[in-house]
Protein backbone atom coordinates (compact mmCIF):
# COMPACT_ATOMS: atom_id res chain seq x y z
CA MET A 1 83.25 79.33 106.14
CA SER A 2 84.95 80.82 103.11
CA LEU A 3 83.85 82.88 100.15
CA ALA A 4 84.57 80.10 97.67
CA ILE A 5 85.15 81.38 94.14
CA ASP A 6 84.90 78.73 91.44
CA THR A 7 87.58 79.79 88.94
CA ASP A 8 85.70 78.00 86.14
CA LYS A 9 82.77 80.41 86.68
CA VAL A 10 84.76 83.67 86.45
CA THR A 11 83.36 85.67 83.51
CA HIS A 12 84.87 89.13 84.18
CA VAL A 13 87.83 90.47 86.16
CA LEU A 14 88.09 94.01 87.58
CA ILE A 15 91.62 95.43 87.33
CA GLU A 16 92.36 99.12 88.02
CA GLY A 17 88.69 100.03 87.66
CA ASN A 18 88.27 98.30 84.27
CA TRP A 19 86.25 95.14 83.71
CA HIS A 20 87.87 92.55 81.43
CA LYS A 21 85.76 89.78 79.90
CA VAL A 22 87.27 86.31 80.30
CA GLU A 23 87.34 84.01 77.26
CA GLY A 24 85.63 80.72 78.16
CA GLN A 25 87.14 79.10 81.25
CA SER A 26 90.64 80.49 80.71
CA PHE A 27 90.89 82.14 84.16
CA ASP A 28 93.53 80.42 86.30
CA ILE A 29 95.48 81.07 89.50
CA ASP A 30 98.99 79.77 90.23
CA ALA A 31 102.42 80.86 91.38
CA TYR A 32 104.24 83.03 88.87
CA GLU A 33 107.66 84.34 88.01
CA PHE A 34 109.24 86.51 85.32
CA VAL A 35 111.59 84.61 83.02
CA GLU A 36 113.80 85.13 79.98
CA MET A 37 114.12 82.42 77.37
CA HIS A 38 117.48 81.93 75.67
CA GLY A 39 116.93 79.16 73.17
CA SER A 40 115.55 76.26 75.15
CA GLU A 41 116.96 77.54 78.46
CA ARG A 42 114.77 79.45 80.91
CA PHE A 43 116.29 81.98 83.31
CA VAL A 44 114.27 83.34 86.24
CA VAL A 45 114.54 87.12 86.29
CA HIS A 46 112.22 87.61 89.26
CA GLY A 47 110.47 84.94 91.29
CA GLY A 48 107.17 85.80 92.89
CA GLY A 49 107.42 86.33 96.62
CA HIS A 50 110.69 88.26 96.46
CA GLY A 51 110.77 91.99 97.08
CA GLY A 52 107.39 91.93 98.80
CA ILE A 53 105.50 90.84 95.67
CA THR A 54 103.05 87.99 96.13
CA SER A 55 103.91 84.71 94.42
CA SER A 56 100.21 84.09 93.71
CA GLY A 57 99.24 85.21 90.26
CA PHE A 58 96.44 85.00 87.73
CA ARG A 59 96.16 84.60 84.01
CA PHE A 60 93.29 84.64 81.53
CA ILE A 61 92.60 85.25 77.86
CA GLU A 62 90.55 88.38 77.28
CA SER A 63 87.54 87.95 75.00
CA GLY A 64 87.51 89.79 71.71
CA GLY A 65 91.15 89.27 70.83
CA GLY A 66 92.55 91.30 73.73
CA GLY A 67 95.30 88.75 74.33
CA GLU A 68 96.46 87.17 77.55
CA ILE A 69 96.41 89.12 80.81
CA VAL A 70 98.75 87.98 83.61
CA GLY A 71 99.59 89.58 86.94
CA PRO A 72 99.79 89.29 90.72
CA LEU A 73 96.59 88.15 92.42
CA SER A 74 96.65 91.34 94.50
CA ALA A 75 95.90 93.38 91.33
CA ILE A 76 92.37 91.94 91.11
CA GLN A 77 89.71 94.14 92.72
CA ALA A 78 86.71 91.87 92.04
CA VAL A 79 85.44 89.09 89.78
CA ARG A 80 82.04 88.39 88.26
CA LEU A 81 80.78 84.84 88.26
CA ASN A 82 78.48 82.96 85.92
CA LYS A 83 75.33 81.94 87.83
CA ARG A 84 75.29 78.36 86.54
């Protein structure tokens, strides 16, 4: 058995003791890396998984014009789910 979390039902994310409201179904999980763009070329500055940092990350758009929040999955303390 697992504690299955439907990412389409995530409505709020708890990061460093603060709840952030998720815009629509913008919450997503994937591998991540830090890059620099030079024109149309992309250079990896730091790939997830190196230096003891997880390669699993999250991203979502914060409701109310707060912009996009992105980080390592390990930064999430909890999520709230829509009941539907």
